[in-house]
Each structure stands twice: as structure tokens, then as C-alpha cells.
């Protein structure tokens, strides 16, 4: 059996909300990736999560609204897999946007920084263990730093809102620390029972 050829991965490409509005096949491909990753993360615990038609992004407009006018989406394509309207299949993505507080708005107007959202990688084996999330994160951090008053702020704060039971360990390993948590009940993020929603932050000193 022939060995599958390795993917041809693009560098991270930044897309603004305007870009997403102008290229709906791209936006649809991103939400397909996000919805698949959202469901895949819950497969190990079907007793805890609804695995039916509950989607992270029902429509491209939900994605565009999430990014907002001040945010940006970073995408990695596999150029070896053609896709209609795209340079290649979307296999990893992450967005960054101004932090507006936690799930219920706690910290809004007090806590400063930027939030990572919709951090997703295709579940195909050829895309795993390639450091794609780290690559996307670095590019987004650089994008933010270009828009940050270094002398005024002194540090960059990056935020994550996560279900602790799904990816809390992942973000802790990447230098994020827990700020607060709250038990969320049935219906939130497609949960059947309850889970701990955690606010994480990572401070990067600016020199």
C-alpha cells in the first residue's frame, strides 16, 4: 500500500470579518470545521453532552458576529486538497477578539486583553501533532501586539473560556492559569447535566 502523501500546509492566513462576508464558501468551511471539532470533543462522554444537531455555529453569520469588527480569524489550509472557493481545505482555525468578560459578562470593562475563540483542528491523523494551534496562536499574538501600546500596557493578557472537563488540561499545559470558575447547567454548550466553565488567562510580558 502506498504511503499517503503529506499535507501541503499553508502558513496561517488572517481573515477579517469583511473577508468572511465576501467569501461565504470560506466562512462555511470554517464553521464546518468548528462544528465537527465541537462535536468530536464531546464524543468521549455521550452521557454528559448532546451529540445530535447542536452546532457551535449554525450559520456563517454566527461566525462573523463572533469575530466582530475588531477581531480576526487565522486559518491554515491544506493546499493539497482543493476546495471550491478556497485555496485549499480549511484544516485549522482560531480567532482572537477583544475580551468582553466571561459567560455572564463578569469582568467586562475591568479586565483587559484579548480572547482566543473557535480554536479548532481537523481530526484527521495527518493533521495531528503538528503544533498547528501553537502556530495559529503565535500569529494572532503578533497581530495583537502590532495594535498594542507596549509602553502603556506592559503586558499582553490572553483569555480563554473553556469547559474544564474537555480542554482545561490542554490550556494549563500552554501556560494559562485559572482565574475563576462556575458550574453551568443543562443546555449550556449542549450539556445534558452540568460542567465547570473556567476562565483562563495568560500574561505575556512586553519588552
C-alpha atoms as a PDB file:
ATOM      1  CA  UNK A   1       0.000   0.000   0.000  1.00  0.00           C
ATOM      2  CA  UNK A   2       1.359   3.399  -0.978  1.00  0.00           C
ATOM      3  CA  UNK A   3       2.197   5.789   1.827  1.00  0.00           C
ATOM      4  CA  UNK A   4      -0.206   8.762   1.818  1.00  0.00           C
ATOM      5  CA  UNK A   5       1.465  11.965   0.708  1.00  0.00           C
ATOM      6  CA  UNK A   6       1.960  14.542   3.474  1.00  0.00           C
ATOM      7  CA  UNK A   7      -0.325  17.565   3.523  1.00  0.00           C
ATOM      8  CA  UNK A   8       0.774  20.821   1.932  1.00  0.00           C
ATOM      9  CA  UNK A   9       0.031  23.245   4.737  1.00  0.00           C
ATOM     10  CA  UNK A  10      -0.245  26.958   4.126  1.00  0.00           C
ATOM     11  CA  UNK A  11       1.129  29.498   6.567  1.00  0.00           C
ATOM     12  CA  UNK A  12      -1.599  30.978   8.776  1.00  0.00           C
ATOM     13  CA  UNK A  13      -3.741  33.376   6.774  1.00  0.00           C
ATOM     14  CA  UNK A  14      -5.624  36.168   8.510  1.00  0.00           C
ATOM     15  CA  UNK A  15      -9.221  36.840   7.514  1.00  0.00           C
ATOM     16  CA  UNK A  16     -11.190  39.852   8.691  1.00  0.00           C
ATOM     17  CA  UNK A  17     -14.981  39.877   9.090  1.00  0.00           C
ATOM     18  CA  UNK A  18     -15.102  41.673   5.743  1.00  0.00           C
ATOM     19  CA  UNK A  19     -13.152  38.822   4.128  1.00  0.00           C
ATOM     20  CA  UNK A  20     -15.555  36.274   5.582  1.00  0.00           C
ATOM     21  CA  UNK A  21     -18.608  38.172   4.360  1.00  0.00           C
ATOM     22  CA  UNK A  22     -17.096  38.364   0.877  1.00  0.00           C
ATOM     23  CA  UNK A  23     -16.267  34.641   0.740  1.00  0.00           C
ATOM     24  CA  UNK A  24     -19.144  32.594   2.101  1.00  0.00           C
ATOM     25  CA  UNK A  25     -17.641  29.248   0.952  1.00  0.00           C
ATOM     26  CA  UNK A  26     -14.665  30.059   3.189  1.00  0.00           C
ATOM     27  CA  UNK A  27     -16.904  31.012   6.114  1.00  0.00           C
ATOM     28  CA  UNK A  28     -18.947  27.842   5.614  1.00  0.00           C
ATOM     29  CA  UNK A  29     -15.794  25.704   5.567  1.00  0.00           C
ATOM     30  CA  UNK A  30     -14.623  27.297   8.828  1.00  0.00           C
ATOM     31  CA  UNK A  31     -17.936  26.679  10.580  1.00  0.00           C
ATOM     32  CA  UNK A  32     -17.983  23.084   9.313  1.00  0.00           C
ATOM     33  CA  UNK A  33     -14.570  22.568  10.911  1.00  0.00           C
ATOM     34  CA  UNK A  34     -15.745  24.253  14.107  1.00  0.00           C
ATOM     35  CA  UNK A  35     -18.946  22.232  14.331  1.00  0.00           C
ATOM     36  CA  UNK A  36     -17.098  18.959  13.736  1.00  0.00           C
ATOM     37  CA  UNK A  37     -14.492  19.793  16.389  1.00  0.00           C
ATOM     38  CA  UNK A  38     -17.219  20.896  18.827  1.00  0.00           C
ATOM     39  CA  UNK A  39     -18.963  17.532  18.453  1.00  0.00           C
ATOM     40  CA  UNK A  40     -15.753  15.464  18.449  1.00  0.00           C
ATOM     41  CA  UNK A  41     -14.625  16.937  21.765  1.00  0.00           C
ATOM     42  CA  UNK A  42     -17.774  15.559  23.410  1.00  0.00           C
ATOM     43  CA  UNK A  43     -17.802  12.049  21.955  1.00  0.00           C
ATOM     44  CA  UNK A  44     -15.930  10.525  24.934  1.00  0.00           C
ATOM     45  CA  UNK A  45     -18.809  11.475  27.285  1.00  0.00           C
ATOM     46  CA  UNK A  46     -22.157  10.951  25.500  1.00  0.00           C
ATOM     47  CA  UNK A  47     -23.898  10.708  28.867  1.00  0.00           C
ATOM     48  CA  UNK A  48     -22.898  14.313  29.555  1.00  0.00           C
ATOM     49  CA  UNK A  49     -23.342  16.016  26.177  1.00  0.00           C
ATOM     50  CA  UNK A  50     -25.961  16.155  23.442  1.00  0.00           C
ATOM     51  CA  UNK A  51     -24.391  14.823  20.246  1.00  0.00           C
ATOM     52  CA  UNK A  52     -27.247  15.494  17.848  1.00  0.00           C
ATOM     53  CA  UNK A  53     -27.818  18.609  15.785  1.00  0.00           C
ATOM     54  CA  UNK A  54     -26.478  21.067  18.369  1.00  0.00           C
ATOM     55  CA  UNK A  55     -23.978  23.206  16.432  1.00  0.00           C
ATOM     56  CA  UNK A  56     -21.354  25.673  17.569  1.00  0.00           C
ATOM     57  CA  UNK A  57     -22.050  27.824  14.506  1.00  0.00           C
ATOM     58  CA  UNK A  58     -25.498  27.314  12.924  1.00  0.00           C
ATOM     59  CA  UNK A  59     -24.710  29.733  10.061  1.00  0.00           C
ATOM     60  CA  UNK A  60     -21.750  31.707   8.657  1.00  0.00           C
ATOM     61  CA  UNK A  61     -23.273  34.853  10.154  1.00  0.00           C
ATOM     62  CA  UNK A  62     -22.834  33.390  13.644  1.00  0.00           C
ATOM     63  CA  UNK A  63     -19.102  33.086  12.927  1.00  0.00           C
ATOM     64  CA  UNK A  64     -18.879  36.626  11.563  1.00  0.00           C
ATOM     65  CA  UNK A  65     -20.755  38.001  14.576  1.00  0.00           C
ATOM     66  CA  UNK A  66     -18.406  36.152  16.943  1.00  0.00           C
ATOM     67  CA  UNK A  67     -15.277  37.607  15.328  1.00  0.00           C
ATOM     68  CA  UNK A  68     -16.794  41.088  15.435  1.00  0.00           C
ATOM     69  CA  UNK A  69     -15.428  44.183  13.783  1.00  0.00           C
ATOM     70  CA  UNK A  70     -12.308  44.281  15.977  1.00  0.00           C
ATOM     71  CA  UNK A  71     -11.349  40.628  15.712  1.00  0.00           C
ATOM     72  CA  UNK A  72      -9.633  38.451  13.134  1.00  0.00           C
ATOM     73  CA  UNK A  73      -9.629  34.770  12.173  1.00  0.00           C
ATOM     74  CA  UNK A  74      -6.426  32.836  11.425  1.00  0.00           C
ATOM     75  CA  UNK A  75      -6.735  29.814   9.144  1.00  0.00           C
ATOM     76  CA  UNK A  76      -4.369  27.115   7.923  1.00  0.00           C
ATOM     77  CA  UNK A  77      -5.263  25.450   4.618  1.00  0.00           C
ATOM     78  CA  UNK A  78      -4.177  22.130   3.178  1.00  0.00           C
ATOM     79  CA  UNK A  79      -3.305  23.180  -0.360  1.00  0.00           C
ATOM     80  CA  UNK A  80      -3.076  19.542  -1.469  1.00  0.00           C
ATOM     81  CA  UNK A  81      -6.853  19.198  -1.042  1.00  0.00           C
ATOM     82  CA  UNK A  82      -8.704  21.519  -3.442  1.00  0.00           C
ATOM     83  CA  UNK A  83     -11.894  23.052  -2.179  1.00  0.00           C
ATOM     84  CA  UNK A  84     -14.443  25.158  -4.016  1.00  0.00           C
ATOM     85  CA  UNK A  85     -13.865  28.861  -3.490  1.00  0.00           C
ATOM     86  CA  UNK A  86     -10.753  28.300  -1.368  1.00  0.00           C
ATOM     87  CA  UNK A  87      -7.025  27.927  -1.857  1.00  0.00           C
ATOM     88  CA  UNK A  88      -7.300  24.552  -0.081  1.00  0.00           C
ATOM     89  CA  UNK A  89      -9.209  22.676   2.591  1.00  0.00           C
ATOM     90  CA  UNK A  90      -9.523  24.518   5.924  1.00  0.00           C
ATOM     91  CA  UNK A  91      -7.817  22.255   8.489  1.00  0.00           C
ATOM     92  CA  UNK A  92      -7.155  24.571  11.455  1.00  0.00           C
ATOM     93  CA  UNK A  93      -8.508  27.887  12.693  1.00  0.00           C
ATOM     94  CA  UNK A  94      -8.542  30.237  15.648  1.00  0.00           C
ATOM     95  CA  UNK A  95      -9.984  33.687  16.242  1.00  0.00           C
ATOM     96  CA  UNK A  96      -8.862  36.488  18.519  1.00  0.00           C
ATOM     97  CA  UNK A  97     -11.010  39.403  19.628  1.00  0.00           C
ATOM     98  CA  UNK A  98     -11.197  41.900  22.477  1.00  0.00           C
ATOM     99  CA  UNK A  99     -12.045  40.285  25.829  1.00  0.00           C
ATOM    100  CA  UNK A 100     -15.541  41.253  26.963  1.00  0.00           C
ATOM    101  CA  UNK A 101     -15.697  39.262  30.166  1.00  0.00           C
ATOM    102  CA  UNK A 102     -16.915  35.767  30.960  1.00  0.00           C
ATOM    103  CA  UNK A 103     -20.044  33.869  30.011  1.00  0.00           C
ATOM    104  CA  UNK A 104     -22.263  36.177  32.060  1.00  0.00           C
ATOM    105  CA  UNK A 105     -20.225  39.308  31.380  1.00  0.00           C
ATOM    106  CA  UNK A 106     -18.245  39.164  34.620  1.00  0.00           C
ATOM    107  CA  UNK A 107     -15.064  41.209  34.321  1.00  0.00           C
ATOM    108  CA  UNK A 108     -16.378  43.281  31.425  1.00  0.00           C
ATOM    109  CA  UNK A 109     -14.930  46.781  31.475  1.00  0.00           C
ATOM    110  CA  UNK A 110     -12.496  45.799  34.240  1.00  0.00           C
ATOM    111  CA  UNK A 111     -10.378  43.017  32.750  1.00  0.00           C
ATOM    112  CA  UNK A 112      -8.362  43.918  29.666  1.00  0.00           C
ATOM    113  CA  UNK A 113      -6.903  41.816  26.920  1.00  0.00           C
ATOM    114  CA  UNK A 114      -7.828  39.573  24.010  1.00  0.00           C
ATOM    115  CA  UNK A 115      -9.726  36.301  23.855  1.00  0.00           C
ATOM    116  CA  UNK A 116      -8.970  33.206  21.811  1.00  0.00           C
ATOM    117  CA  UNK A 117     -12.125  31.614  20.413  1.00  0.00           C
ATOM    118  CA  UNK A 118     -13.054  28.834  17.976  1.00  0.00           C
ATOM    119  CA  UNK A 119      -9.666  27.114  18.281  1.00  0.00           C
ATOM    120  CA  UNK A 120     -10.083  24.023  16.088  1.00  0.00           C
ATOM    121  CA  UNK A 121      -8.002  21.447  14.217  1.00  0.00           C
ATOM    122  CA  UNK A 122      -9.238  18.851  11.748  1.00  0.00           C
ATOM    123  CA  UNK A 123      -9.428  15.416  13.375  1.00  0.00           C
ATOM    124  CA  UNK A 124      -7.619  13.690  10.502  1.00  0.00           C
ATOM    125  CA  UNK A 125      -4.477  11.859  11.611  1.00  0.00           C
ATOM    126  CA  UNK A 126      -2.318  13.660   9.044  1.00  0.00           C
ATOM    127  CA  UNK A 127      -3.051  16.989  10.767  1.00  0.00           C
ATOM    128  CA  UNK A 128      -2.481  15.974  14.377  1.00  0.00           C
ATOM    129  CA  UNK A 129       0.665  16.595  16.459  1.00  0.00           C
ATOM    130  CA  UNK A 130       1.911  19.292  14.099  1.00  0.00           C
ATOM    131  CA  UNK A 131       1.671  22.180  16.551  1.00  0.00           C
ATOM    132  CA  UNK A 132      -0.993  23.904  14.484  1.00  0.00           C
ATOM    133  CA  UNK A 133      -2.688  25.557  17.458  1.00  0.00           C
ATOM    134  CA  UNK A 134       0.652  26.952  18.600  1.00  0.00           C
ATOM    135  CA  UNK A 135       1.344  28.265  15.105  1.00  0.00           C
ATOM    136  CA  UNK A 136      -2.037  29.979  14.920  1.00  0.00           C
ATOM    137  CA  UNK A 137      -1.700  31.395  18.434  1.00  0.00           C
ATOM    138  CA  UNK A 138       1.690  32.927  17.689  1.00  0.00           C
ATOM    139  CA  UNK A 139       0.440  34.664  14.557  1.00  0.00           C
ATOM    140  CA  UNK A 140      -2.595  36.031  16.386  1.00  0.00           C
ATOM    141  CA  UNK A 141      -0.450  37.239  19.289  1.00  0.00           C
ATOM    142  CA  UNK A 142       1.782  39.092  16.813  1.00  0.00           C
ATOM    143  CA  UNK A 143      -1.296  40.617  15.184  1.00  0.00           C
ATOM    144  CA  UNK A 144      -2.464  41.900  18.578  1.00  0.00           C
ATOM    145  CA  UNK A 145       0.986  43.221  19.517  1.00  0.00           C
ATOM    146  CA  UNK A 146       1.009  45.351  16.382  1.00  0.00           C
ATOM    147  CA  UNK A 147      -2.102  47.021  17.796  1.00  0.00           C
ATOM    148  CA  UNK A 148      -0.972  47.271  21.420  1.00  0.00           C
ATOM    149  CA  UNK A 149       0.606  50.255  23.168  1.00  0.00           C
ATOM    150  CA  UNK A 150       3.590  48.422  24.672  1.00  0.00           C
ATOM    151  CA  UNK A 151       4.738  51.247  26.983  1.00  0.00           C
ATOM    152  CA  UNK A 152       1.236  51.799  28.336  1.00  0.00           C
ATOM    153  CA  UNK A 153       0.198  48.199  28.939  1.00  0.00           C
ATOM    154  CA  UNK A 154       3.444  46.472  29.900  1.00  0.00           C
ATOM    155  CA  UNK A 155       1.897  43.053  29.307  1.00  0.00           C
ATOM    156  CA  UNK A 156      -0.485  41.301  26.973  1.00  0.00           C
ATOM    157  CA  UNK A 157      -3.326  39.335  28.546  1.00  0.00           C
ATOM    158  CA  UNK A 158      -4.808  36.460  26.591  1.00  0.00           C
ATOM    159  CA  UNK A 159      -8.075  34.896  27.752  1.00  0.00           C
ATOM    160  CA  UNK A 160      -9.827  31.570  27.189  1.00  0.00           C
ATOM    161  CA  UNK A 161     -13.299  30.460  28.273  1.00  0.00           C
ATOM    162  CA  UNK A 162     -13.372  26.654  28.412  1.00  0.00           C
ATOM    163  CA  UNK A 163     -15.142  23.571  29.725  1.00  0.00           C
ATOM    164  CA  UNK A 164     -12.649  22.276  32.267  1.00  0.00           C
ATOM    165  CA  UNK A 165     -13.507  18.620  31.679  1.00  0.00           C
ATOM    166  CA  UNK A 166     -12.833  18.900  27.933  1.00  0.00           C
ATOM    167  CA  UNK A 167      -9.771  21.080  27.497  1.00  0.00           C
ATOM    168  CA  UNK A 168      -8.785  22.561  30.837  1.00  0.00           C
ATOM    169  CA  UNK A 169      -5.658  20.382  30.979  1.00  0.00           C
ATOM    170  CA  UNK A 170      -4.721  21.435  27.443  1.00  0.00           C
ATOM    171  CA  UNK A 171      -4.739  25.150  28.198  1.00  0.00           C
ATOM    172  CA  UNK A 172      -2.962  24.778  31.538  1.00  0.00           C
ATOM    173  CA  UNK A 173      -0.116  22.996  29.757  1.00  0.00           C
ATOM    174  CA  UNK A 174       0.176  26.005  27.479  1.00  0.00           C
ATOM    175  CA  UNK A 175       0.744  28.460  30.276  1.00  0.00           C
ATOM    176  CA  UNK A 176      -2.795  29.586  31.038  1.00  0.00           C
ATOM    177  CA  UNK A 177      -3.902  29.850  34.660  1.00  0.00           C
ATOM    178  CA  UNK A 178      -7.367  29.649  36.135  1.00  0.00           C
ATOM    179  CA  UNK A 179      -8.965  32.933  37.189  1.00  0.00           C
ATOM    180  CA  UNK A 180     -12.423  31.721  38.200  1.00  0.00           C
ATOM    181  CA  UNK A 181     -14.951  29.013  37.507  1.00  0.00           C
ATOM    182  CA  UNK A 182     -18.671  28.431  37.677  1.00  0.00           C
ATOM    183  CA  UNK A 183     -20.870  25.355  37.411  1.00  0.00           C
ATOM    184  CA  UNK A 184     -23.091  25.579  34.338  1.00  0.00           C
ATOM    185  CA  UNK A 185     -26.227  23.501  33.952  1.00  0.00           C
ATOM    186  CA  UNK A 186     -28.222  21.684  31.336  1.00  0.00           C
ATOM    187  CA  UNK A 187     -28.448  23.337  27.928  1.00  0.00           C
ATOM    188  CA  UNK A 188     -25.276  25.415  28.110  1.00  0.00           C
ATOM    189  CA  UNK A 189     -22.883  24.412  25.293  1.00  0.00           C
ATOM    190  CA  UNK A 190     -25.046  21.368  24.625  1.00  0.00           C
ATOM    191  CA  UNK A 191     -24.676  19.884  28.109  1.00  0.00           C
ATOM    192  CA  UNK A 192     -27.175  17.320  29.445  1.00  0.00           C
ATOM    193  CA  UNK A 193     -26.093  17.569  33.071  1.00  0.00           C
ATOM    194  CA  UNK A 194     -23.562  20.139  34.351  1.00  0.00           C
ATOM    195  CA  UNK A 195     -19.917  21.116  33.885  1.00  0.00           C
ATOM    196  CA  UNK A 196     -17.324  23.535  35.200  1.00  0.00           C
ATOM    197  CA  UNK A 197     -16.816  26.554  32.941  1.00  0.00           C
ATOM    198  CA  UNK A 198     -13.414  28.109  33.608  1.00  0.00           C
ATOM    199  CA  UNK A 199     -11.949  31.489  32.722  1.00  0.00           C
ATOM    200  CA  UNK A 200      -8.237  31.160  31.937  1.00  0.00           C
ATOM    201  CA  UNK A 201      -5.681  33.908  31.384  1.00  0.00           C
ATOM    202  CA  UNK A 202      -2.075  34.045  30.225  1.00  0.00           C
ATOM    203  CA  UNK A 203       0.080  37.130  30.762  1.00  0.00           C
ATOM    204  CA  UNK A 204       2.886  37.881  28.311  1.00  0.00           C
ATOM    205  CA  UNK A 205       5.420  40.467  29.449  1.00  0.00           C
ATOM    206  CA  UNK A 206       6.158  43.038  26.753  1.00  0.00           C
ATOM    207  CA  UNK A 207       9.720  44.285  26.458  1.00  0.00           C
END
